[in-house]
Protein backbone atom coordinates (compact mmCIF):
# COMPACT_ATOMS: atom_id res chain seq x y z
CA UNK A 1 54.89 43.14 3.79
CA UNK A 2 53.51 39.75 2.89
CA UNK A 3 49.72 40.04 2.65
CA UNK A 4 49.10 36.81 4.53
CA UNK A 5 51.24 37.94 7.45
CA UNK A 6 49.57 41.35 7.50
CA UNK A 7 46.07 39.88 7.89
CA UNK A 8 46.92 36.97 10.16
CA UNK A 9 49.60 38.46 12.37
CA UNK A 10 49.91 42.24 12.26
CA UNK A 11 46.38 43.54 11.61
CA UNK A 12 44.79 41.85 14.67
CA UNK A 13 47.38 43.54 16.94
CA UNK A 14 46.93 47.09 15.62
CA UNK A 15 45.02 49.78 17.47
CA UNK A 16 42.18 51.43 15.50
CA UNK A 17 44.13 54.59 14.62
CA UNK A 18 47.19 52.51 13.74
CA UNK A 19 45.09 50.55 11.24
CA UNK A 20 44.26 53.58 9.11
CA UNK A 21 47.77 55.04 9.45
CA UNK A 22 49.48 51.81 8.42
CA UNK A 23 51.43 52.02 5.12
CA UNK A 24 49.51 49.02 3.75
CA UNK A 25 46.17 50.75 4.42
CA UNK A 26 47.39 54.03 2.96
CA UNK A 27 48.64 52.43 -0.26
CA UNK A 28 45.50 50.37 -0.71
CA UNK A 29 43.21 53.38 -0.08
CA UNK A 30 45.13 55.62 -2.49
CA UNK A 31 45.24 52.95 -5.22
CA UNK A 32 41.51 52.18 -4.93
CA UNK A 33 40.41 55.82 -4.91
CA UNK A 34 42.67 56.84 -7.79
CA UNK A 35 41.71 53.87 -9.94
CA UNK A 36 37.94 54.14 -9.42
CA UNK A 37 37.43 57.89 -9.23
CA UNK A 38 40.33 59.19 -11.32
CA UNK A 39 41.46 61.86 -8.86
CA UNK A 40 44.26 62.22 -6.32
CA UNK A 41 43.79 59.39 -3.86
CA UNK A 42 46.42 60.73 -1.47
CA UNK A 43 44.43 63.90 -0.83
CA UNK A 44 41.30 61.83 -0.20
CA UNK A 45 43.26 59.51 2.12
CA UNK A 46 44.55 62.36 4.29
CA UNK A 47 41.09 63.91 4.47
CA UNK A 48 39.25 60.72 5.39
CA UNK A 49 41.99 59.65 7.81
CA UNK A 50 41.34 62.87 9.73
CA UNK A 51 37.57 62.30 9.82
CA UNK A 52 38.00 58.62 10.73
CA UNK A 53 40.34 59.46 13.61
CA UNK A 54 37.92 62.12 14.85
CA UNK A 55 35.02 59.64 14.79
CA UNK A 56 37.05 57.08 16.75
CA UNK A 57 37.89 59.69 19.38
CA UNK A 58 34.26 60.76 19.77
CA UNK A 59 32.92 57.17 19.82
CA UNK A 60 35.11 54.96 22.05
CA UNK A 61 32.92 51.91 21.43
CA UNK A 62 34.09 51.84 17.81
CA UNK A 63 37.59 51.10 19.12
CA UNK A 64 36.22 47.74 20.30
CA UNK A 65 35.29 46.69 16.76
CA UNK A 66 37.30 43.95 15.08
CA UNK A 67 40.41 45.24 13.26
CA UNK A 68 39.35 43.58 9.99
CA UNK A 69 35.97 45.37 10.00
CA UNK A 70 37.60 48.77 10.68
CA UNK A 71 40.14 48.15 7.91
CA UNK A 72 37.42 47.13 5.45
CA UNK A 73 35.12 50.03 6.32
CA UNK A 74 37.91 52.55 5.76
CA UNK A 75 38.71 51.07 2.35
CA UNK A 76 35.01 51.06 1.51
CA UNK A 77 35.01 54.84 1.89
CA UNK A 78 37.55 54.90 -0.95
CA UNK A 79 35.51 52.48 -3.04
CA UNK A 80 32.31 54.51 -2.71
CA UNK A 81 34.06 57.86 -3.11
CA UNK A 82 32.03 59.27 -0.22
CA UNK A 83 33.25 61.32 2.74
CA UNK A 84 32.93 60.86 6.49
CA UNK A 85 32.52 64.60 6.99
CA UNK A 86 29.54 64.74 9.37
CA UNK A 87 27.85 67.89 8.09
CA UNK A 88 24.16 68.76 7.91
CA UNK A 89 23.79 66.42 4.93
CA UNK A 90 26.23 63.68 5.89
CA UNK A 91 26.76 61.07 3.17
CA UNK A 92 27.75 58.20 5.45
CA UNK A 93 28.54 57.23 9.01
CA UNK A 94 30.62 54.60 10.77
CA UNK A 95 28.38 52.52 12.99
CA UNK A 96 28.73 49.14 14.60
CA UNK A 97 26.69 46.08 15.38
CA UNK A 98 27.18 43.09 17.63
CA UNK A 99 27.37 39.74 15.87
CA UNK A 100 27.22 36.31 17.49
CA UNK A 101 29.71 33.81 16.15
CA UNK A 102 30.70 30.24 16.98
CA UNK A 103 34.15 29.67 18.45
CA UNK A 104 36.11 27.11 20.49
CA UNK A 105 36.94 27.53 24.16
CA UNK A 106 39.96 26.14 26.00
CA UNK A 107 38.16 22.79 26.32
CA UNK A 108 37.67 22.71 22.53
CA UNK A 109 33.93 23.12 23.02
CA UNK A 110 31.84 25.14 20.58
CA UNK A 111 30.52 28.24 22.32
CA UNK A 112 28.85 31.50 21.31
CA UNK A 113 30.90 34.66 21.24
CA UNK A 114 29.82 38.25 20.62
CA UNK A 115 32.00 40.69 18.72
CA UNK A 116 31.56 44.26 17.51
CA UNK A 117 31.86 44.90 13.80
CA UNK A 118 32.21 48.29 12.16
CA UNK A 119 29.86 49.18 9.33
CA UNK A 120 29.77 51.98 6.77
CA UNK A 121 26.19 53.21 6.92
CA UNK A 122 25.14 55.18 3.82
CA UNK A 123 22.59 57.94 4.43
CA UNK A 124 19.84 59.08 2.09
CA UNK A 125 22.09 61.83 0.74
CA UNK A 126 24.91 59.34 0.21
CA UNK A 127 22.55 57.03 -1.64
CA UNK A 128 21.53 59.96 -3.85
CA UNK A 129 25.20 60.50 -4.78
CA UNK A 130 25.64 56.81 -5.63
CA UNK A 131 22.48 56.73 -7.74
CA UNK A 132 23.53 59.87 -9.61
CA UNK A 133 26.87 58.22 -10.43
CA UNK A 134 25.07 55.04 -11.50
CA UNK A 135 22.98 57.06 -13.95
CA UNK A 136 19.70 56.35 -12.18
CA UNK A 137 19.03 59.96 -11.16
CA UNK A 138 19.73 63.27 -12.86
CA UNK A 139 19.16 65.32 -9.71
CA UNK A 140 16.85 65.71 -6.72
CA UNK A 141 15.42 68.84 -5.16
CA UNK A 142 15.72 69.49 -1.46
CA UNK A 143 12.93 67.71 0.46
CA UNK A 144 10.06 70.02 1.45
CA UNK A 145 7.67 69.86 4.40
CA UNK A 146 3.92 70.48 4.29
CA UNK A 147 2.58 71.68 7.63
CA UNK A 148 -0.98 71.58 8.86
CA UNK A 149 -2.91 74.55 7.45
CA UNK A 150 -0.93 74.86 4.21
CA UNK A 151 -2.55 74.31 0.82
CA UNK A 152 -1.41 71.38 -1.29
CA UNK A 153 -2.72 68.98 -3.92
CA UNK A 154 -1.35 65.50 -4.48
CA UNK A 155 -2.45 63.75 -7.67
CA UNK A 156 -1.50 60.96 -10.03
CA UNK A 157 -1.16 61.80 -13.72
CA UNK A 158 -0.22 59.74 -16.81
CA UNK A 159 3.28 61.18 -16.40
CA UNK A 160 3.51 60.19 -12.76
CA UNK A 161 2.71 61.64 -9.35
CA UNK A 162 2.50 65.40 -8.87
CA UNK A 163 2.41 67.58 -5.77
CA UNK A 164 1.38 71.23 -5.84
CA UNK A 165 2.28 72.99 -2.62
CA UNK A 166 1.68 76.60 -1.60
CA UNK A 167 4.28 77.39 1.04
CA UNK A 168 3.17 79.74 3.81
CA UNK A 169 5.55 82.03 5.72
CA UNK A 170 5.54 81.99 8.62
CA UNK A 171 4.44 78.39 8.85
CA UNK A 172 0.97 78.12 10.43
CA UNK A 173 1.84 75.23 12.80
CA UNK A 174 4.67 72.80 13.54
CA UNK A 175 2.54 69.72 12.87
CA UNK A 176 3.86 67.82 9.85
CA UNK A 177 1.32 66.56 7.31
CA UNK A 178 3.67 65.37 4.58
CA UNK A 179 7.31 65.48 3.54
CA UNK A 180 8.06 65.18 -0.17
CA UNK A 181 11.00 65.29 -2.54
CA UNK A 182 11.02 65.78 -6.31
CA UNK A 183 13.44 63.57 -8.26
CA UNK A 184 14.29 63.93 -11.95
CA UNK A 185 15.29 60.77 -13.81
CA UNK A 186 17.91 60.75 -16.60
CA UNK A 187 15.17 60.82 -19.28
CA UNK A 188 13.65 63.96 -17.77
CA UNK A 189 10.66 62.24 -16.18
CA UNK A 190 9.77 63.23 -12.63
CA UNK A 191 8.87 61.16 -9.58
CA UNK A 192 7.98 62.19 -6.05
CA UNK A 193 8.88 60.47 -2.81
CA UNK A 194 6.64 61.13 0.17
CA UNK A 195 6.60 60.41 3.90
CA UNK A 196 3.39 61.17 5.79
CA UNK A 197 2.62 61.33 9.50
CA UNK A 198 1.52 57.70 9.57
CA UNK A 199 4.82 56.65 8.05
CA UNK A 200 6.76 58.73 10.58
CA UNK A 201 4.90 57.13 13.48
CA UNK A 202 5.53 53.68 12.03
CA UNK A 203 9.26 54.39 11.82
CA UNK A 204 9.30 55.75 15.38
CA UNK A 205 7.58 52.62 16.63
CA UNK A 206 10.10 50.38 14.88
CA UNK A 207 12.90 52.51 16.33
CA UNK A 208 11.52 51.95 19.83
CA UNK A 209 11.29 48.22 19.19
CA UNK A 210 14.77 48.16 17.73
CA UNK A 211 16.20 49.99 20.75
CA UNK A 212 14.61 47.53 23.17
CA UNK A 213 16.61 45.28 25.46
CA UNK A 214 16.43 41.59 26.25
CA UNK A 215 15.91 40.90 29.95
CA UNK A 216 15.19 37.80 31.99
CA UNK A 217 11.56 36.90 32.40
CA UNK A 218 10.36 37.66 35.93
CA UNK A 219 8.66 34.27 36.14
CA UNK A 220 11.28 32.22 34.31
CA UNK A 221 14.96 33.13 34.57
CA UNK A 222 15.81 30.77 31.73
CA UNK A 223 13.65 32.79 29.34
CA UNK A 224 14.44 36.17 27.83
CA UNK A 225 11.81 38.75 26.92
CA UNK A 226 12.31 41.95 24.97
CA UNK A 227 11.34 45.23 26.60
CA UNK A 228 10.45 48.05 24.23
CA UNK A 229 12.86 50.97 24.32
CA UNK A 230 12.59 54.62 23.36
CA UNK A 231 12.34 55.90 19.81
CA UNK A 232 15.31 57.68 18.31
CA UNK A 233 15.14 61.32 19.38
CA UNK A 234 16.18 62.38 15.89
CA UNK A 235 12.64 61.64 14.73
CA UNK A 236 11.86 65.06 16.19
CA UNK A 237 14.49 66.60 13.91
CA UNK A 238 13.20 67.84 10.58
CA UNK A 239 16.52 67.32 8.81
CA UNK A 240 16.56 63.66 9.85
CA UNK A 241 13.00 63.18 8.57
CA UNK A 242 13.87 64.81 5.24
CA UNK A 243 16.67 62.27 4.79
CA UNK A 244 14.20 59.48 5.57
CA UNK A 245 11.88 60.83 2.88
CA UNK A 246 14.73 60.77 0.38
CA UNK A 247 15.42 57.13 1.25
CA UNK A 248 11.76 56.28 0.77
CA UNK A 249 11.78 57.93 -2.66
CA UNK A 250 14.28 55.36 -3.93
CA UNK A 251 12.09 52.34 -3.24
CA UNK A 252 11.05 52.11 -6.88
CA UNK A 253 14.61 52.47 -8.22
CA UNK A 254 16.95 49.60 -9.17
CA UNK A 255 18.94 48.03 -6.36
CA UNK A 256 22.40 49.22 -5.48
CA UNK A 257 25.19 46.73 -4.90
CA UNK A 258 27.09 47.23 -1.68
CA UNK A 259 30.07 45.56 -0.07
CA UNK A 260 29.92 43.31 2.97
CA UNK A 261 30.85 46.13 5.33
CA UNK A 262 28.34 48.65 3.93
CA UNK A 263 24.59 49.07 4.32
CA UNK A 264 21.86 51.42 3.20
CA UNK A 265 20.31 53.32 6.06
CA UNK A 266 17.34 51.92 7.98
CA UNK A 267 14.88 49.12 7.56
CA UNK A 268 11.49 48.93 9.19
CA UNK A 269 11.53 45.24 10.00
CA UNK A 270 14.68 43.08 9.75
CA UNK A 271 12.54 39.96 9.51
CA UNK A 272 11.25 41.20 6.15
CA UNK A 273 14.77 40.81 4.78
CA UNK A 274 15.00 37.23 6.05
CA UNK A 275 17.69 38.09 8.57
CA UNK A 276 18.31 36.06 11.73
CA UNK A 277 16.94 37.20 15.05
CA UNK A 278 20.16 36.71 17.01
CA UNK A 279 21.92 39.79 15.66
CA UNK A 280 22.13 42.66 18.11
CA UNK A 281 22.88 45.98 16.42
CA UNK A 282 24.11 49.16 18.05
CA UNK A 283 25.22 52.41 16.47
CA UNK A 284 27.73 55.12 17.21
CA UNK A 285 25.26 57.73 15.95
CA UNK A 286 21.55 57.80 16.85
CA UNK A 287 20.01 56.25 13.78
CA UNK A 288 18.18 53.09 12.74
CA UNK A 289 20.20 50.68 10.69
CA UNK A 290 19.65 47.36 8.90
CA UNK A 291 20.94 44.27 10.65
CA UNK A 292 23.41 41.96 8.96
CA UNK A 293 23.69 38.21 8.96
CA UNK A 294 26.36 37.20 11.49
CA UNK A 295 29.26 35.26 10.06
CA UNK A 296 32.64 34.63 11.59
CA UNK A 297 35.14 37.06 10.12
CA UNK A 298 37.89 35.48 8.10
CA UNK A 299 40.66 37.40 6.41
CA UNK A 300 41.35 36.73 2.78
CA UNK A 301 44.94 35.62 3.05
CA UNK A 302 45.43 35.39 -0.71
CA UNK A 303 44.68 39.03 -1.35
CA UNK A 304 43.13 42.10 0.16
CA UNK A 305 39.33 42.19 0.51
CA UNK A 306 37.83 42.79 -2.92
CA UNK A 307 36.05 46.09 -2.43
CA UNK A 308 34.61 46.01 -5.93
CA UNK A 309 32.50 42.94 -5.32
CA UNK A 310 29.38 43.76 -3.40
CA UNK A 311 26.20 42.21 -2.09
CA UNK A 312 22.74 43.22 -3.17
CA UNK A 313 20.66 45.06 -0.61
CA UNK A 314 16.95 44.44 -0.88
CA UNK A 315 15.14 47.71 -1.60
CA UNK A 316 11.73 46.27 -0.90
CA UNK A 317 8.70 48.00 0.55
CA UNK A 318 10.15 47.98 4.04
CA UNK A 319 13.48 49.60 3.22
CA UNK A 320 13.98 53.27 4.04
């Protein structure tokens, strides 16, 4: 099929499952995966098609995302060589966010329109895989938790930070003092990433702010005010917090380049990345994601989206 016709005519009419089962999608996925990762792309395609279909069934709101964003996210799975298998250490998720775009109404007037866009959200464990492939990390230990009452020493040495932790069984309490992860660089040097109770509370507070809703002001119906929501319940899950610690450990590492339909998991404050305030983000899984700059989607009619050209994500002090 002519590529221009596929993007402009056929793709917008396809249902979500039909998008990933389409022969054009299959061929593109297989070619990308085989070329980049050197293994059988057809096996990867069948596997990820199953996971993608399962995710769409369990999250009906994803079916409302634009066809182009779903198409691009699925191909991005091939580019990254990750899997959508949602295990205990999931590498990535499919989420969505609402973006406001400018469009024309029947009177040819410029009006605002909201649309849902799918996004491949890369978890801390997925980021670890990408950094290992990029040669930035040799390996990382499993994150550990220090509970109140346990003995530990945290110190800085000429060779970097060190943590000495005496694990107690059974654990004396359930109150978390510190979560840490040991990471070995390619040259054999060691660094530690940590997340303390203060950091956890800060993330929970941002989560509550991020989950807030805009409502009309009681005294002025023309004005909107934001009401603080509830923090993500996963902040009570130790596995979720360990993944957050792993993300925090990569703050000092070089930036990763990601595609337009991918994002590293979680920022504390979107304003710190210079992003606009009129982006409303929602997710199909209960996590905190970075918000993207809204731009009207436009298919590349000359070729398929170039999944090898990415955008730089700012790994500054506020990125987790």
